[in-house]
Protein backbone atom coordinates (compact mmCIF):
# COMPACT_ATOMS: atom_id res chain seq x y z
CA MET A 1 55.12 170.03 117.87
CA SER A 2 53.65 168.78 114.59
CA LEU A 3 55.56 166.13 112.70
CA PRO A 4 56.90 166.98 109.23
CA LYS A 5 54.74 165.81 106.34
CA PRO A 6 56.48 163.49 103.87
CA CYS A 7 56.68 164.33 100.19
CA PRO A 8 57.15 161.58 97.58
CA LEU A 9 60.55 161.90 95.92
CA TYR A 10 60.56 159.63 92.87
CA PRO A 11 57.91 158.70 90.28
CA THR A 12 57.72 155.49 88.25
CA TYR A 13 60.76 154.37 86.28
CA ASP A 14 59.31 155.51 82.94
CA GLU A 15 58.51 158.94 84.40
CA LEU A 16 61.97 159.20 85.94
CA LEU A 17 63.56 158.54 82.55
CA SER A 18 61.99 161.73 81.16
CA PHE A 19 61.97 163.60 84.47
CA ASP A 20 61.65 167.40 84.47
CA ILE A 21 61.68 168.95 87.95
CA LEU A 22 59.65 171.91 86.68
CA SER A 23 56.74 169.54 86.05
CA TYR A 24 56.80 168.52 89.74
CA THR A 25 56.11 171.85 91.41
CA GLU A 26 55.55 170.57 94.96
CA LEU A 27 58.58 168.28 94.87
CA ASN A 28 60.72 171.13 93.56
CA GLU A 29 59.49 173.39 96.37
CA PHE A 30 60.14 170.66 98.95
CA LEU A 31 63.74 170.16 97.82
CA SER A 32 64.40 173.88 97.40
CA ALA A 33 63.14 174.68 100.90
CA GLY A 34 65.77 172.47 102.54
CA GLU A 35 69.52 172.60 102.85
CA GLY A 36 71.61 173.08 99.73
CA TRP A 37 72.58 169.42 99.72
CA TYR A 38 68.95 168.16 99.53
CA LYS A 39 68.87 168.40 95.73
CA GLN A 40 72.32 166.81 95.53
CA HIS A 41 71.15 163.84 97.60
CA TRP A 42 68.01 163.59 95.50
CA GLN A 43 70.21 163.48 92.40
CA TRP A 44 72.30 160.70 93.92
CA GLY A 45 69.10 158.75 94.50
CA GLN A 46 67.92 159.43 90.96
CA ASP A 47 71.19 158.17 89.44
CA PHE A 48 71.07 155.02 91.57
CA LEU A 49 67.43 154.26 90.73
CA LEU A 50 67.97 154.84 87.02
CA TYR A 51 70.82 152.34 87.20
CA ILE A 52 68.54 149.83 88.97
CA GLY A 53 65.70 150.38 86.50
CA ARG A 54 68.05 149.96 83.53
CA ASN A 55 69.90 146.87 84.75
CA LYS A 56 67.35 145.10 86.95
CA SER A 57 63.60 144.54 86.72
CA GLU A 58 60.79 147.05 87.14
CA HIS A 59 59.83 145.21 90.34
CA THR A 60 63.35 145.72 91.73
CA TYR A 61 63.21 149.40 90.80
CA THR A 62 59.93 149.81 92.71
CA ARG A 63 61.26 147.95 95.75
CA PHE A 64 64.50 149.96 95.89
CA ARG A 65 62.71 153.23 95.18
CA ASN A 66 60.44 152.71 98.20
CA GLU A 67 63.42 152.15 100.50
CA VAL A 68 65.73 154.86 99.16
CA GLU A 69 62.83 157.32 99.30
CA LYS A 70 62.10 156.53 102.97
CA PHE A 71 65.80 156.77 103.83
CA LEU A 72 66.20 160.19 102.19
CA LEU A 73 62.97 161.52 103.72
CA TRP A 74 64.23 160.55 107.17
CA ILE A 75 67.54 162.29 106.44
CA PHE A 76 65.82 165.46 105.15
CA LEU A 77 63.10 165.76 107.79
CA PHE A 78 64.58 164.18 110.92
CA LYS A 79 68.36 163.63 110.87
CA LYS A 80 69.26 166.67 108.73
CA ILE A 81 72.90 165.76 108.10
CA PRO A 82 74.37 164.50 104.79
CA LEU A 83 74.45 160.72 104.39
CA ASP A 84 78.16 160.74 103.49
CA GLU A 85 78.79 161.73 107.12
CA PHE A 86 76.87 158.75 108.51
CA ARG A 87 78.42 156.11 110.74
CA LYS A 88 76.96 152.97 112.31
CA LYS A 89 75.13 155.07 114.90
CA GLU A 90 73.03 156.91 112.29
CA ILE A 91 72.04 153.70 110.49
CA LEU A 92 70.89 152.19 113.79
CA GLU A 93 68.86 155.34 114.48
CA TYR A 94 67.22 154.89 111.08
CA ALA A 95 66.41 151.27 112.01
CA ASP A 96 64.71 152.61 115.17
CA PHE A 97 62.67 154.97 112.99
CA CYS A 98 61.60 152.16 110.62
CA TRP A 99 60.67 149.95 113.57
CA LYS A 100 58.27 152.56 114.89
CA PRO A 101 57.54 155.25 112.28
CA PRO A 102 55.18 158.17 113.02
CA VAL A 103 51.56 157.08 112.80
CA SER A 104 50.94 159.98 110.41
CA TRP A 105 53.43 158.35 108.00
CA VAL A 106 51.55 155.01 107.89
CA ALA A 107 48.94 154.29 105.21
CA LEU A 108 46.38 151.50 105.04
CA SER A 109 46.62 150.98 101.27
CA ASN A 110 48.88 151.65 98.31
CA ALA A 111 48.54 154.95 96.47
CA ASP A 112 50.26 156.53 93.49
CA ARG A 113 52.84 159.12 94.44
CA PHE A 114 51.85 161.70 91.85
CA VAL A 115 48.73 162.47 89.82
CA PHE A 116 48.90 164.34 86.53
CA ARG A 117 46.63 167.41 86.52
CA ASN A 118 46.67 170.60 84.49
CA GLY A 119 49.99 169.80 82.84
CA ASN A 120 51.80 169.08 86.14
CA PHE A 121 52.54 166.10 88.37
CA GLN A 122 50.92 166.91 91.70
CA VAL A 123 51.55 165.09 94.97
CA ASN A 124 48.86 162.54 95.81
CA LYS A 125 47.64 163.51 99.28
CA ASN A 126 46.80 159.85 100.03
CA TRP A 127 50.39 158.65 99.62
CA LEU A 128 52.47 157.81 102.72
CA PRO A 129 55.88 156.08 103.02
CA PHE A 130 54.83 153.13 105.23
CA ARG A 131 51.89 150.75 104.87
CA LEU A 132 50.10 148.67 107.47
CA GLN A 133 49.32 145.36 105.80
CA ILE A 134 46.14 143.65 106.94
CA PRO A 135 46.00 139.89 106.28
CA LYS A 136 43.24 139.00 103.83
CA SER A 137 41.68 136.70 106.40
CA HIS A 138 41.35 139.49 108.99
CA LYS A 139 38.35 141.78 108.74
CA VAL A 140 39.00 144.96 110.71
CA ASP A 141 36.75 148.00 110.39
CA THR A 142 39.27 150.48 111.81
CA PRO A 143 42.85 149.15 111.70
CA ASP A 144 45.14 150.61 114.35
CA LYS A 145 48.16 152.23 112.70
CA LYS A 146 49.97 152.22 116.04
CA LYS A 147 50.29 148.45 115.65
CA TYR A 148 52.55 148.82 112.61
CA LYS A 149 55.69 146.71 112.96
CA PRO A 150 57.93 145.71 110.05
CA SER A 151 58.45 142.00 109.49
CA GLN A 152 61.93 140.46 109.43
CA GLN A 153 61.58 140.29 105.65
CA THR A 154 60.75 144.02 105.47
CA LEU A 155 63.72 144.93 107.68
CA THR A 156 66.01 142.83 105.50
CA ALA A 157 64.69 144.59 102.38
CA THR A 158 65.37 147.98 104.01
CA PHE A 159 68.97 147.14 104.83
CA THR A 160 69.50 145.51 101.42
CA ALA A 161 68.36 148.61 99.53
CA VAL A 162 70.28 151.12 101.67
CA ASN A 163 73.37 148.90 101.47
CA ALA A 164 73.09 148.80 97.65
CA PHE A 165 72.66 152.59 97.60
CA TYR A 166 75.87 153.06 99.58
CA LYS A 167 77.74 150.64 97.32
CA HIS A 168 76.63 152.69 94.33
CA LEU A 169 77.83 155.91 95.98
CA ILE A 170 81.20 154.29 96.76
CA ASN A 171 81.56 153.18 93.13
CA GLU A 172 80.84 156.76 92.07
CA GLU A 173 83.49 157.98 94.58
CA ILE A 174 80.87 159.99 96.46
CA CYS A 175 81.18 158.03 99.71
CA PHE A 176 84.31 156.35 101.02
CA GLY A 177 82.72 153.93 103.46
CA ASN A 178 79.57 151.88 103.98
CA PRO A 179 78.22 151.76 107.56
CA VAL A 180 75.26 149.50 106.70
CA PRO A 181 76.80 145.98 107.05
CA ILE A 182 78.33 146.83 110.45
CA ALA A 183 75.07 148.38 111.66
CA LYS A 184 73.04 145.37 110.54
CA LYS A 185 75.13 143.07 112.75
CA ASP A 186 74.29 145.24 115.77
CA CYS A 187 70.64 145.94 114.91
CA ARG A 188 68.53 144.72 117.82
CA TYR A 189 65.46 144.14 115.66
CA PHE A 190 66.94 141.23 113.74
CA ILE A 191 66.12 137.87 115.34
CA ALA A 192 68.15 134.70 114.89
CA ASP A 193 65.37 132.54 113.54
CA ALA A 194 65.40 128.78 114.02
CA GLN A 195 61.64 128.38 114.21
CA VAL A 196 59.53 126.31 111.84
CA LYS A 197 58.34 128.66 109.11
CA GLU A 198 54.67 128.89 108.24
CA VAL A 199 54.45 127.17 104.89
CA ARG A 200 53.09 129.41 102.16
CA ARG A 201 51.46 126.63 100.18
CA LEU A 202 48.18 124.80 99.80
CA SER A 203 47.52 121.34 101.17
CA GLU A 204 46.65 118.51 98.80
CA ALA A 205 42.96 118.93 99.70
CA GLN A 206 42.99 122.71 99.25
CA TRP A 207 44.71 122.38 95.88
CA GLN A 208 42.09 119.89 94.72
CA TYR A 209 39.32 122.33 95.67
CA VAL A 210 41.06 125.08 93.67
CA LEU A 211 41.55 122.87 90.61
CA GLU A 212 38.04 121.41 90.74
CA THR A 213 36.53 124.87 91.20
CA ALA A 214 38.46 126.20 88.19
CA GLU A 215 37.42 123.22 86.07
CA SER A 216 33.78 123.51 87.15
CA LEU A 217 33.69 127.23 86.35
CA ALA A 218 35.21 126.57 82.91
CA GLU A 219 32.61 123.87 82.18
CA GLN A 220 29.78 126.26 83.08
CA ASP A 221 31.23 129.34 81.34
CA HIS A 222 34.03 129.25 78.77
CA TYR A 223 35.18 132.67 80.02
CA TYR A 224 36.94 130.76 82.85
CA GLU A 225 39.06 128.62 80.50
CA ARG A 226 41.73 131.32 80.81
CA SER A 227 41.60 131.12 84.61
CA LEU A 228 41.92 127.33 84.54
CA PHE A 229 44.96 127.49 82.27
CA VAL A 230 46.68 130.16 84.40
CA ILE A 231 46.13 128.25 87.66
CA ALA A 232 47.33 124.96 86.15
CA ALA A 233 50.43 126.66 84.71
CA LEU A 234 51.39 128.48 87.93
CA LYS A 235 51.16 125.30 90.02
CA THR A 236 52.43 122.69 87.56
CA LEU A 237 55.22 124.70 85.91
CA PHE A 238 56.27 126.51 89.14
CA LEU A 239 55.81 129.94 87.56
CA ARG A 240 55.77 133.39 89.12
CA ILE A 241 52.78 135.47 88.06
CA SER A 242 55.14 137.94 86.34
CA GLU A 243 56.50 135.13 84.16
CA LEU A 244 53.08 134.68 82.54
CA SER A 245 52.45 138.39 82.13
CA GLU A 246 53.09 140.89 79.36
CA ARG A 247 56.08 143.09 80.21
CA LYS A 248 57.91 145.90 78.47
CA ASP A 249 60.95 143.74 77.82
CA TRP A 250 59.23 140.38 77.25
CA SER A 251 56.01 139.13 75.73
CA PRO A 252 55.25 135.46 76.54
CA THR A 253 53.90 133.70 73.47
CA MET A 254 52.64 130.25 72.59
CA GLY A 255 55.81 129.82 70.53
CA HIS A 256 57.79 129.69 73.78
CA PHE A 257 56.50 126.14 74.18
CA TRP A 258 58.89 123.92 72.25
CA GLN A 259 59.61 120.23 71.75
CA ASP A 260 63.08 118.66 71.67
CA GLU A 261 64.31 115.75 69.54
CA HIS A 262 63.13 113.28 72.18
CA GLN A 263 59.56 114.62 72.03
CA ASN A 264 59.90 116.31 75.43
CA TRP A 265 58.01 119.58 75.84
CA TRP A 266 59.60 122.69 77.40
CA LEU A 267 58.52 126.26 78.10
CA LYS A 268 60.99 129.10 77.71
CA ILE A 269 60.66 131.59 80.58
CA PHE A 270 62.11 135.07 81.05
CA GLY A 271 62.48 135.10 84.80
CA LYS A 272 63.83 136.93 87.79
CA GLY A 273 67.19 138.64 87.29
CA ARG A 274 66.53 138.92 83.54
CA LYS A 275 67.47 135.26 83.07
CA LEU A 276 66.07 132.84 80.50
CA ARG A 277 65.36 129.29 81.56
CA ASP A 278 63.58 126.29 80.09
CA VAL A 279 60.97 124.62 82.30
CA THR A 280 60.01 120.98 81.82
CA VAL A 281 56.36 120.57 80.79
CA PRO A 282 54.78 117.37 82.17
CA THR A 283 52.65 115.20 79.92
CA GLN A 284 49.48 115.79 81.95
CA PHE A 285 49.76 119.55 81.51
CA ILE A 286 49.63 119.17 77.72
CA ASP A 287 45.92 118.32 78.04
CA TYR A 288 45.31 121.68 79.73
CA LEU A 289 47.34 123.43 77.05
CA LYS A 290 45.31 121.76 74.29
CA ARG A 291 42.05 122.60 76.04
CA TYR A 292 43.00 126.27 76.36
CA ARG A 293 44.16 126.49 72.73
CA SER A 294 40.92 124.87 71.60
CA PHE A 295 38.99 127.56 73.50
CA ARG A 296 41.01 130.18 71.59
CA ALA A 297 40.37 128.43 68.24
CA LEU A 298 44.06 127.62 67.83
CA PRO A 299 45.65 124.36 66.59
CA ALA A 300 45.98 121.72 69.30
CA LEU A 301 49.69 122.32 69.94
CA PRO A 302 51.98 125.35 69.57
CA PHE A 303 54.51 125.56 66.76
CA SER A 304 57.76 127.40 66.20
CA GLY A 305 57.06 131.04 65.44
CA ASP A 306 53.60 130.97 67.05
CA ASN A 307 53.43 134.60 68.22
CA THR A 308 49.96 134.54 69.77
CA ALA A 309 49.97 135.80 73.36
CA LEU A 310 50.38 133.05 75.96
CA VAL A 311 47.53 134.50 78.04
CA GLU A 312 45.53 136.96 75.96
CA LYS A 313 43.76 140.08 77.19
CA VAL A 314 40.00 139.97 77.66
CA ARG A 315 39.79 142.99 75.39
CA GLY A 316 42.34 144.23 72.89
CA GLN A 317 45.55 142.62 71.69
CA GLY A 318 48.55 141.28 73.55
CA GLY A 319 49.02 139.54 76.86
CA MET A 320 47.58 140.25 80.29
CA THR A 321 49.37 142.19 83.03
CA ALA A 322 50.38 140.56 86.30
CA ARG A 323 47.65 142.50 88.10
CA HIS A 324 44.92 141.18 85.79
CA LEU A 325 46.25 137.63 86.04
CA SER A 326 46.23 137.89 89.85
CA ARG A 327 42.57 138.93 89.77
CA LEU A 328 41.68 135.83 87.73
CA VAL A 329 43.39 133.57 90.24
CA GLN A 330 41.98 135.38 93.27
CA GLU A 331 38.42 134.96 92.02
CA VAL A 332 38.90 131.19 91.83
CA PHE A 333 40.57 131.14 95.28
CA ASP A 334 37.56 132.96 96.74
CA LYS A 335 35.06 130.57 95.20
CA ALA A 336 37.12 127.52 96.24
CA TYR A 337 37.30 128.87 99.79
CA GLU A 338 33.53 129.27 100.02
CA LYS A 339 32.97 125.74 98.68
CA MET A 340 35.54 124.14 100.99
CA ARG A 341 34.35 126.12 104.01
CA HIS A 342 30.79 124.94 103.37
CA GLU A 343 31.82 121.30 102.93
CA GLN A 344 34.83 120.93 105.25
CA GLY A 345 34.61 123.80 107.73
CA ASP A 346 36.49 127.06 108.11
CA ASP A 347 39.57 125.51 109.74
CA GLN A 348 40.24 123.35 106.69
CA ALA A 349 39.61 126.17 104.21
CA ARG A 350 41.26 129.07 106.04
CA LYS A 351 44.51 129.13 104.05
CA LEU A 352 42.59 129.57 100.81
CA LYS A 353 41.51 132.96 102.11
CA GLU A 354 45.12 133.95 102.80
CA ALA A 355 46.65 132.48 99.63
CA SER A 356 48.29 134.51 96.88
CA THR A 357 49.27 133.47 93.36
CA HIS A 358 52.82 132.74 94.56
CA TRP A 359 51.48 129.98 96.81
CA LEU A 360 50.74 127.93 93.69
CA ARG A 361 54.43 127.94 92.75
CA HIS A 362 55.37 126.80 96.27
CA THR A 363 52.58 124.21 96.26
CA GLY A 364 53.74 122.64 93.01
CA ALA A 365 57.41 122.52 94.03
CA SER A 366 56.63 121.13 97.49
CA MET A 367 54.46 118.36 96.07
CA GLU A 368 57.19 117.41 93.58
CA ILE A 369 59.80 117.16 96.32
CA GLU A 370 57.43 115.13 98.49
CA ARG A 371 56.85 112.65 95.69
CA GLY A 372 60.62 112.11 95.46
CA ARG A 373 61.74 114.19 92.48
CA ALA A 374 65.42 115.19 92.59
CA LEU A 375 66.04 118.51 94.33
CA LYS A 376 68.40 119.62 91.55
CA ASP A 377 65.72 119.10 88.87
CA VAL A 378 63.11 121.01 90.87
CA SER A 379 65.64 123.80 91.49
CA GLU A 380 66.35 124.21 87.77
CA ASP A 381 62.64 124.32 86.90
CA LEU A 382 62.08 126.93 89.63
CA GLY A 383 64.95 129.02 88.27
CA HIS A 384 66.69 129.30 91.63
CA ALA A 385 70.24 130.63 91.49
CA SER A 386 71.16 128.37 94.40
CA MET A 387 69.96 124.94 95.46
CA GLY A 388 70.01 126.34 98.99
CA THR A 389 66.87 128.32 98.13
CA THR A 390 65.14 125.18 96.90
CA ASP A 391 66.37 123.33 99.96
CA SER A 392 64.26 125.64 102.14
CA ILE A 393 61.18 124.13 100.42
CA TYR A 394 62.61 120.66 101.15
CA VAL A 395 63.06 121.63 104.81
CA GLN A 396 59.40 122.67 104.94
CA SER A 397 58.44 119.27 103.55
CA GLU A 398 60.64 117.58 106.17
CA ASN A 399 58.93 119.65 108.88
CA LYS A 400 55.63 118.16 107.76
CA LYS A 401 57.05 114.65 108.38
CA ARG A 402 58.45 115.82 111.72
CA ALA A 403 55.02 117.15 112.77
CA ASP A 404 53.31 113.94 111.72
CA SER A 405 55.75 111.85 113.77
CA GLY A 406 55.31 114.20 116.73
CA LYS A 407 51.58 113.64 116.90
CA THR A 408 52.06 110.16 118.31
CA ARG A 409 53.59 111.44 121.54
CA THR A 410 51.46 110.86 124.62
CA VAL A 411 50.78 112.88 127.76
CA ASP A 412 50.64 109.94 130.18
């Protein structure tokens, strides 16, 4: 018996805002071919995702869309009973499905859900609900989709999104109970984790290779001045890549650097959860700021009302997207890896091949905590809602001390 083929249910947030089902012929046929409540459930999902897109970030919309979409597809194509009739048992069955989805539902790369052709949004045949992620350091010619297993983080994201969906339906008086929290407690795939986490950060030596590589590239070709500034900002100011990027609801500008009455420099950031925060700017970073502004033929320091983009596009006006910024950083990571591998060996350089832009934020915060800066101050610069989140970085730093002390144990 052939397995049912999944159909993407929801486009991007902007496309959902102006959604017309008649422009999505295949989706309309998919929903119409099912039970009468399929379209009703789809509408519930649409209302929830529009709420998320309006009140949260675009990233949160994408994350929740992926999970709600998978949940509804499982309901339509496998369970075939309305979600308002679900109990703990059904949620645990869905967890089983997510733990081992059909191989034909697993992709090896991201793909757009719909492509616009001939006046209609057509289903992209390359799109699938699940994705097998291959670590950057692993080179595999033919990845085995049967080896797909969700991480603990992925499982948590699944339960979080479905739980939020149910809460929304309860608020709308569509459902009168939420089976997700009870099911999560009994889900056999969640592991009580007391192990030492792999630290997603660079060592002191690896960071120096990254910084020296960026500086060397900028000295040889001024095109890389932008890359140097971005890397220094992400590590030193503990920024997420999205906080440097141009977004629909925020455009980072040079004017967001400001100086208080005590001559201290700050950078105003529009961060996660649509929250503004001011990040302390260390004195040493000012030299990198001046260098980058000099490259752009700007005055040495920003001024109030300076509306020039914080990180300008290579071509055109405005700031760079998060994707473009990530490419700049990744190019430097790759070159730093090759240099360190040649000089220090692959074991010392390996993490540079795995690193993402977010590692720079963790690296900067970890180094600050290790040098003795107050946890509360680091937490506020990071923009963490709770010091408990920052404390996890502190615990990682303490684990480093624990490992160092453990090396002196003897066998005899």
